[in-house]
Amino acid sequence: MVAFRAWPQSRQSATTTGAEAATKQDTTTAQAKPKRFFGSVKLNSQRVGRDAGKIAEEIIQHLTLQPGATVEVTLEIQAQMPEGAPDTTVRTVTENARTLKFTTHSFEKE
C-alpha cells in the first residue's frame, strides 16, 4: 500500500514523488545486475569432446549472446603419471602443444 500526502509547494519540491521513487528503484535494480561470470568444472578425460560441447551449448552460448560481452574460455590440463611418461609421449605431446599454440606447457619430473 502506498500513501501520498500533499505537502506545501516548497516542501514538495524537496521530496520524491511515488513515480520518481519507482523510477529511481528501477534504475538502482538495473545498475545492480551481475556483470561478470566465472566458473570451472572438471571434465571426464574420456569424454572431453562431449562435455565441452555441452558446456558450449548451455553456458558459453548464453554468455556470448549478451550485448558487448567478451567471453574467454581456457582449457587447463593436469596429468599425473606415476611411472613417468615415455620419451615418445613427451615428444608427441610437446610438439602437439606447440602446434596447437598452448600458451604454457611443460612436463615435470617431480
N, C-alpha and C. Protein backbone atom coordinates (compact mmCIF):
# COMPACT_ATOMS: atom_id res chain seq x y z
N MET A 1 0.85 -1.18 0.00
CA MET A 1 0.00 0.00 0.00
C MET A 1 0.89 1.23 0.00
N VAL A 2 0.58 2.18 -0.87
CA VAL A 2 1.36 3.41 -0.98
C VAL A 2 0.47 4.57 -0.57
N ALA A 3 0.96 5.41 0.30
CA ALA A 3 0.18 6.57 0.74
C ALA A 3 0.86 7.83 0.23
N PHE A 4 0.08 8.75 -0.29
CA PHE A 4 0.59 10.03 -0.76
C PHE A 4 0.04 11.12 0.14
N ARG A 5 0.86 12.09 0.42
CA ARG A 5 0.42 13.20 1.25
C ARG A 5 0.77 14.48 0.51
N ALA A 6 -0.15 15.40 0.49
CA ALA A 6 0.10 16.67 -0.19
C ALA A 6 0.89 17.58 0.74
N TRP A 7 2.01 18.05 0.28
CA TRP A 7 2.85 18.97 1.04
C TRP A 7 2.74 20.35 0.42
N PRO A 8 3.01 21.35 1.18
CA PRO A 8 3.08 22.69 0.58
C PRO A 8 4.14 22.68 -0.52
N GLN A 9 4.02 23.53 -1.51
CA GLN A 9 4.88 23.55 -2.69
C GLN A 9 6.37 23.55 -2.34
N SER A 10 6.78 24.37 -1.37
CA SER A 10 8.21 24.46 -1.06
C SER A 10 8.72 23.13 -0.51
N ARG A 11 7.95 22.43 0.26
CA ARG A 11 8.39 21.18 0.84
C ARG A 11 8.27 20.04 -0.19
N GLN A 12 7.29 20.09 -1.07
CA GLN A 12 7.08 19.05 -2.05
C GLN A 12 8.26 18.96 -3.02
N SER A 13 8.86 20.08 -3.36
CA SER A 13 9.97 20.06 -4.30
C SER A 13 11.19 19.36 -3.71
N ALA A 14 11.26 19.27 -2.39
CA ALA A 14 12.40 18.63 -1.74
C ALA A 14 12.17 17.14 -1.54
N THR A 15 10.98 16.64 -1.85
CA THR A 15 10.69 15.21 -1.65
C THR A 15 10.58 14.52 -3.00
N THR A 16 10.54 13.22 -2.97
CA THR A 16 10.41 12.42 -4.19
C THR A 16 8.99 11.92 -4.30
N THR A 17 8.41 12.05 -5.50
CA THR A 17 7.05 11.55 -5.71
C THR A 17 7.09 10.04 -5.85
N GLY A 18 5.94 9.41 -5.80
CA GLY A 18 5.86 7.95 -5.94
C GLY A 18 6.42 7.48 -7.27
N ALA A 19 6.09 8.17 -8.35
CA ALA A 19 6.58 7.80 -9.69
C ALA A 19 8.10 7.95 -9.75
N GLU A 20 8.62 9.04 -9.18
CA GLU A 20 10.08 9.24 -9.18
C GLU A 20 10.77 8.15 -8.37
N ALA A 21 10.18 7.78 -7.24
CA ALA A 21 10.77 6.73 -6.40
C ALA A 21 10.78 5.40 -7.14
N ALA A 22 9.70 5.09 -7.86
CA ALA A 22 9.64 3.85 -8.61
C ALA A 22 10.70 3.83 -9.71
N THR A 23 10.85 4.97 -10.41
CA THR A 23 11.86 5.07 -11.45
C THR A 23 13.26 4.93 -10.87
N LYS A 24 13.48 5.58 -9.73
CA LYS A 24 14.78 5.50 -9.07
C LYS A 24 15.07 4.06 -8.65
N GLN A 25 14.07 3.34 -8.14
CA GLN A 25 14.25 1.96 -7.74
C GLN A 25 14.55 1.07 -8.95
N ASP A 26 13.85 1.29 -10.07
CA ASP A 26 14.10 0.52 -11.28
C ASP A 26 15.53 0.75 -11.77
N THR A 27 16.00 1.99 -11.72
CA THR A 27 17.36 2.32 -12.14
C THR A 27 18.36 1.64 -11.23
N THR A 28 18.12 1.66 -9.93
CA THR A 28 19.03 1.02 -8.98
C THR A 28 19.07 -0.48 -9.24
N THR A 29 17.92 -1.09 -9.50
CA THR A 29 17.87 -2.51 -9.79
C THR A 29 18.64 -2.83 -11.06
N ALA A 30 18.47 -2.01 -12.10
CA ALA A 30 19.17 -2.22 -13.36
C ALA A 30 20.67 -2.09 -13.17
N GLN A 31 21.11 -1.18 -12.35
CA GLN A 31 22.54 -0.99 -12.12
C GLN A 31 23.13 -2.13 -11.31
N ALA A 32 22.32 -2.84 -10.57
CA ALA A 32 22.81 -3.90 -9.70
C ALA A 32 22.89 -5.26 -10.40
N LYS A 33 22.68 -5.32 -11.70
CA LYS A 33 22.75 -6.58 -12.43
C LYS A 33 24.18 -7.12 -12.40
N PRO A 34 24.32 -8.43 -12.33
CA PRO A 34 25.67 -9.01 -12.36
C PRO A 34 26.36 -8.69 -13.68
N LYS A 35 27.64 -8.40 -13.62
CA LYS A 35 28.38 -8.01 -14.81
C LYS A 35 29.49 -8.99 -15.17
N ARG A 36 29.75 -9.97 -14.34
CA ARG A 36 30.80 -10.95 -14.61
C ARG A 36 30.31 -12.34 -14.25
N PHE A 37 30.82 -13.30 -14.97
CA PHE A 37 30.56 -14.71 -14.65
C PHE A 37 31.89 -15.42 -14.68
N PHE A 38 32.08 -16.34 -13.78
CA PHE A 38 33.23 -17.23 -13.84
C PHE A 38 32.80 -18.59 -13.34
N GLY A 39 33.45 -19.60 -13.83
CA GLY A 39 33.14 -20.94 -13.40
C GLY A 39 34.22 -21.90 -13.83
N SER A 40 34.35 -22.97 -13.12
CA SER A 40 35.28 -24.03 -13.51
C SER A 40 34.61 -25.37 -13.24
N VAL A 41 34.98 -26.34 -14.02
CA VAL A 41 34.38 -27.66 -13.91
C VAL A 41 35.41 -28.71 -14.33
N LYS A 42 35.39 -29.85 -13.66
CA LYS A 42 36.25 -30.96 -14.07
C LYS A 42 35.52 -31.75 -15.14
N LEU A 43 36.23 -32.10 -16.20
CA LEU A 43 35.66 -32.88 -17.29
C LEU A 43 36.19 -34.30 -17.24
N ASN A 44 35.39 -35.24 -17.68
CA ASN A 44 35.80 -36.63 -17.78
C ASN A 44 36.82 -36.72 -18.93
N SER A 45 38.03 -37.17 -18.65
CA SER A 45 39.08 -37.21 -19.68
C SER A 45 38.73 -38.15 -20.82
N GLN A 46 37.81 -39.05 -20.62
CA GLN A 46 37.37 -39.97 -21.67
C GLN A 46 36.24 -39.38 -22.52
N ARG A 47 35.65 -38.26 -22.05
CA ARG A 47 34.51 -37.66 -22.75
C ARG A 47 34.63 -36.14 -22.84
N VAL A 48 35.83 -35.64 -23.05
CA VAL A 48 36.07 -34.20 -23.08
C VAL A 48 35.25 -33.54 -24.19
N GLY A 49 35.26 -34.12 -25.38
CA GLY A 49 34.52 -33.52 -26.50
C GLY A 49 33.04 -33.36 -26.20
N ARG A 50 32.44 -34.41 -25.68
CA ARG A 50 31.02 -34.36 -25.36
C ARG A 50 30.74 -33.33 -24.27
N ASP A 51 31.52 -33.38 -23.19
CA ASP A 51 31.29 -32.47 -22.07
C ASP A 51 31.55 -31.02 -22.46
N ALA A 52 32.62 -30.78 -23.22
CA ALA A 52 32.92 -29.41 -23.65
C ALA A 52 31.84 -28.88 -24.59
N GLY A 53 31.32 -29.76 -25.45
CA GLY A 53 30.22 -29.36 -26.33
C GLY A 53 28.98 -28.96 -25.55
N LYS A 54 28.70 -29.70 -24.52
CA LYS A 54 27.53 -29.39 -23.69
C LYS A 54 27.72 -28.06 -22.97
N ILE A 55 28.92 -27.81 -22.49
CA ILE A 55 29.23 -26.54 -21.82
C ILE A 55 29.11 -25.39 -22.82
N ALA A 56 29.59 -25.60 -24.04
CA ALA A 56 29.49 -24.57 -25.08
C ALA A 56 28.03 -24.22 -25.37
N GLU A 57 27.19 -25.24 -25.45
CA GLU A 57 25.76 -25.02 -25.75
C GLU A 57 25.00 -24.40 -24.58
N GLU A 58 25.27 -24.86 -23.38
CA GLU A 58 24.44 -24.49 -22.24
C GLU A 58 24.96 -23.31 -21.42
N ILE A 59 26.21 -22.96 -21.59
CA ILE A 59 26.78 -21.84 -20.82
C ILE A 59 27.35 -20.77 -21.75
N ILE A 60 28.35 -21.15 -22.53
CA ILE A 60 29.09 -20.18 -23.34
C ILE A 60 28.18 -19.46 -24.33
N GLN A 61 27.31 -20.20 -24.98
CA GLN A 61 26.39 -19.60 -25.95
C GLN A 61 25.54 -18.50 -25.32
N HIS A 62 25.01 -18.74 -24.14
CA HIS A 62 24.17 -17.73 -23.48
C HIS A 62 24.98 -16.49 -23.12
N LEU A 63 26.22 -16.68 -22.74
CA LEU A 63 27.06 -15.54 -22.37
C LEU A 63 27.47 -14.73 -23.60
N THR A 64 27.82 -15.40 -24.70
CA THR A 64 28.27 -14.68 -25.89
C THR A 64 27.13 -13.93 -26.57
N LEU A 65 25.89 -14.30 -26.31
CA LEU A 65 24.75 -13.60 -26.91
C LEU A 65 24.44 -12.27 -26.22
N GLN A 66 25.05 -12.00 -25.09
CA GLN A 66 24.79 -10.75 -24.37
C GLN A 66 25.49 -9.60 -25.08
N PRO A 67 24.79 -8.48 -25.25
CA PRO A 67 25.38 -7.33 -25.95
C PRO A 67 26.68 -6.88 -25.30
N GLY A 68 27.72 -6.77 -26.10
CA GLY A 68 29.01 -6.27 -25.63
C GLY A 68 29.81 -7.27 -24.82
N ALA A 69 29.33 -8.49 -24.70
CA ALA A 69 30.02 -9.47 -23.86
C ALA A 69 31.32 -9.93 -24.50
N THR A 70 32.33 -10.10 -23.68
CA THR A 70 33.55 -10.77 -24.09
C THR A 70 33.68 -12.01 -23.22
N VAL A 71 33.88 -13.13 -23.86
CA VAL A 71 33.93 -14.40 -23.15
C VAL A 71 35.27 -15.06 -23.46
N GLU A 72 35.97 -15.45 -22.43
CA GLU A 72 37.24 -16.14 -22.57
C GLU A 72 37.10 -17.52 -21.97
N VAL A 73 37.52 -18.53 -22.72
CA VAL A 73 37.46 -19.91 -22.25
C VAL A 73 38.89 -20.44 -22.25
N THR A 74 39.29 -21.01 -21.14
CA THR A 74 40.64 -21.56 -21.00
C THR A 74 40.54 -23.03 -20.66
N LEU A 75 41.32 -23.84 -21.33
CA LEU A 75 41.37 -25.27 -21.04
C LEU A 75 42.68 -25.54 -20.31
N GLU A 76 42.58 -26.13 -19.15
CA GLU A 76 43.75 -26.47 -18.36
C GLU A 76 43.83 -27.98 -18.23
N ILE A 77 45.01 -28.53 -18.47
CA ILE A 77 45.20 -29.97 -18.39
C ILE A 77 46.26 -30.27 -17.35
N GLN A 78 45.97 -31.20 -16.47
CA GLN A 78 46.94 -31.68 -15.48
C GLN A 78 46.93 -33.19 -15.55
N ALA A 79 48.09 -33.79 -15.71
CA ALA A 79 48.19 -35.25 -15.79
C ALA A 79 49.25 -35.74 -14.82
N GLN A 80 48.90 -36.76 -14.07
CA GLN A 80 49.85 -37.42 -13.16
C GLN A 80 50.14 -38.79 -13.74
N MET A 81 51.41 -39.13 -13.90
CA MET A 81 51.81 -40.42 -14.43
C MET A 81 52.79 -41.05 -13.45
N PRO A 82 52.30 -41.91 -12.57
CA PRO A 82 53.15 -42.46 -11.51
C PRO A 82 54.42 -43.15 -12.00
N GLU A 83 54.37 -43.76 -13.18
CA GLU A 83 55.54 -44.45 -13.71
C GLU A 83 56.35 -43.58 -14.65
N GLY A 84 55.94 -42.35 -14.85
CA GLY A 84 56.65 -41.44 -15.74
C GLY A 84 56.20 -41.59 -17.18
N ALA A 85 56.39 -40.54 -17.96
CA ALA A 85 55.99 -40.55 -19.36
C ALA A 85 57.16 -40.99 -20.23
N PRO A 86 56.92 -41.90 -21.17
CA PRO A 86 57.99 -42.30 -22.09
C PRO A 86 58.40 -41.12 -22.99
N ASP A 87 59.63 -41.19 -23.49
CA ASP A 87 60.16 -40.12 -24.35
C ASP A 87 59.25 -39.84 -25.54
N THR A 88 58.67 -40.88 -26.13
CA THR A 88 57.79 -40.67 -27.29
C THR A 88 56.56 -39.86 -26.92
N THR A 89 56.01 -40.10 -25.74
CA THR A 89 54.84 -39.35 -25.28
C THR A 89 55.22 -37.90 -25.01
N VAL A 90 56.35 -37.70 -24.37
CA VAL A 90 56.82 -36.33 -24.08
C VAL A 90 57.01 -35.58 -25.39
N ARG A 91 57.66 -36.20 -26.37
CA ARG A 91 57.92 -35.54 -27.65
C ARG A 91 56.61 -35.24 -28.37
N THR A 92 55.70 -36.22 -28.44
CA THR A 92 54.43 -36.03 -29.16
C THR A 92 53.57 -34.95 -28.51
N VAL A 93 53.42 -35.01 -27.21
CA VAL A 93 52.58 -34.03 -26.51
C VAL A 93 53.20 -32.64 -26.61
N THR A 94 54.51 -32.54 -26.46
CA THR A 94 55.18 -31.24 -26.55
C THR A 94 55.01 -30.63 -27.93
N GLU A 95 55.22 -31.43 -28.97
CA GLU A 95 55.05 -30.93 -30.36
C GLU A 95 53.60 -30.53 -30.62
N ASN A 96 52.66 -31.35 -30.17
CA ASN A 96 51.24 -31.02 -30.38
C ASN A 96 50.83 -29.76 -29.62
N ALA A 97 51.32 -29.61 -28.40
CA ALA A 97 51.00 -28.41 -27.62
C ALA A 97 51.54 -27.16 -28.33
N ARG A 98 52.74 -27.27 -28.88
CA ARG A 98 53.33 -26.14 -29.61
C ARG A 98 52.51 -25.85 -30.86
N THR A 99 52.14 -26.88 -31.62
CA THR A 99 51.36 -26.71 -32.85
C THR A 99 49.99 -26.11 -32.56
N LEU A 100 49.39 -26.52 -31.43
CA LEU A 100 48.06 -26.02 -31.06
C LEU A 100 48.12 -24.68 -30.33
N LYS A 101 49.33 -24.12 -30.23
CA LYS A 101 49.55 -22.79 -29.66
C LYS A 101 49.16 -22.68 -28.19
N PHE A 102 49.48 -23.69 -27.41
CA PHE A 102 49.30 -23.60 -25.96
C PHE A 102 50.14 -22.44 -25.45
N THR A 103 49.61 -21.65 -24.55
CA THR A 103 50.39 -20.53 -24.00
C THR A 103 51.44 -21.02 -23.02
N THR A 104 51.15 -22.10 -22.32
CA THR A 104 52.12 -22.73 -21.44
C THR A 104 51.95 -24.24 -21.53
N HIS A 105 53.04 -24.94 -21.44
CA HIS A 105 53.00 -26.40 -21.37
C HIS A 105 54.37 -26.87 -20.90
N SER A 106 54.35 -27.96 -20.14
CA SER A 106 55.60 -28.46 -19.58
C SER A 106 55.39 -29.82 -18.97
N PHE A 107 56.43 -30.60 -18.96
CA PHE A 107 56.48 -31.84 -18.20
C PHE A 107 57.38 -31.59 -17.00
N GLU A 108 57.06 -32.21 -15.88
CA GLU A 108 57.88 -32.08 -14.67
C GLU A 108 58.30 -33.46 -14.20
N LYS A 109 59.48 -33.54 -13.62
CA LYS A 109 59.96 -34.84 -13.13
C LYS A 109 59.42 -35.13 -11.73
N GLU A 110 58.97 -34.17 -11.03
CA GLU A 110 58.50 -34.35 -9.66
C GLU A 110 57.06 -33.94 -9.51
